[in-house]
Amino acid sequence: MASVRYVAIGDSFTEGVGDELPDGHVRGWADLVAQGWADALGAPIEYANLAIRGKLVWPIVEQQLEPALALNPTHLSFNGGGNDMLRPRTSVAHVITAFETVLRRCDEEGVRLIVLSGANPTAQLPLRRVIQRRGDLLSYAVEARLASRTDVVQAYNWFDAELATPPYWSEDRLHMNSRGHHRVAARVLDALGLEPPPDWWSLPPLPPMGARGAAYYREHVGPWVRRRLTGTSSGDGREPKFGQWSDVSPAAR
């Protein structure tokens, strides 16, 4: 059994949406962390990722937390609340209670918790001021709640001004691109006391892409609004990409 067994739970941020590989699969920061972790240790680790796009924070806790803990991990990463922040009525206290539930269960099971705040997409989104205010309140509240918990690995991204700029975001402006996911992965590895590849902090910018004006609203905002009106989610019917342990070996040098 590997000495590190890392499981990730969350929504599209943790699933890796925006960092699509040529074969159509998504990668994302958690996959990158698993590989970087194995590389830094020079030994294989076990990795699972139960995150599913579109999930609100409490469905993440209710549907993913116990299956993740049942895998007997050594480390569990958690992020949630990004989709809640996009809803008309959102209680920060409601989201913080979910974080506290994950913290309590990890304490009870002896699992080291890795907490992330999501990156800030608001510079390029409609209703940016509303979402910015909610995100600020949530991030400040999470950081204050965990300030005394030095045993919890804390990798906060919301207030990273560079990560909030357009070159780190995908065509839909809501999910990070590969460049953004690498920067988050570097922050997590650094918080774990590991040395990330230096270029992960700021890979070369990707070629400009993406619809603008009316085309952007038609291709990205319209489908999001339709899902809200019909009570559906982009994650409906999806299974976790790594629902059981997979071995991640150090990359060949």
Foldseek 3Di string as FASTA:
>chain_A
DDPFAEEEFEACQQLAPQAADPVGHGQFQQNVLQQQVQQQVQWKYKYFYFYYHFDALVCRLVPPLVLVVVQVGQEYEDEHDLNQLVDPDHDLVVNVVSVVVSVVVCVVSNHAYEYEYDAQLLVPDPVSVSSLVSSVVNLVVNCVVCVPPLSHQYQYHHPPVVLNDVLQPHQLSSYGHQLSRLLSNCSSCVSVVTHGDVCSNGPPGDPDDYDDDPVSCVPHVVVVVVCVVVVHGPRPPPGTPGSHIDMHHHDDD
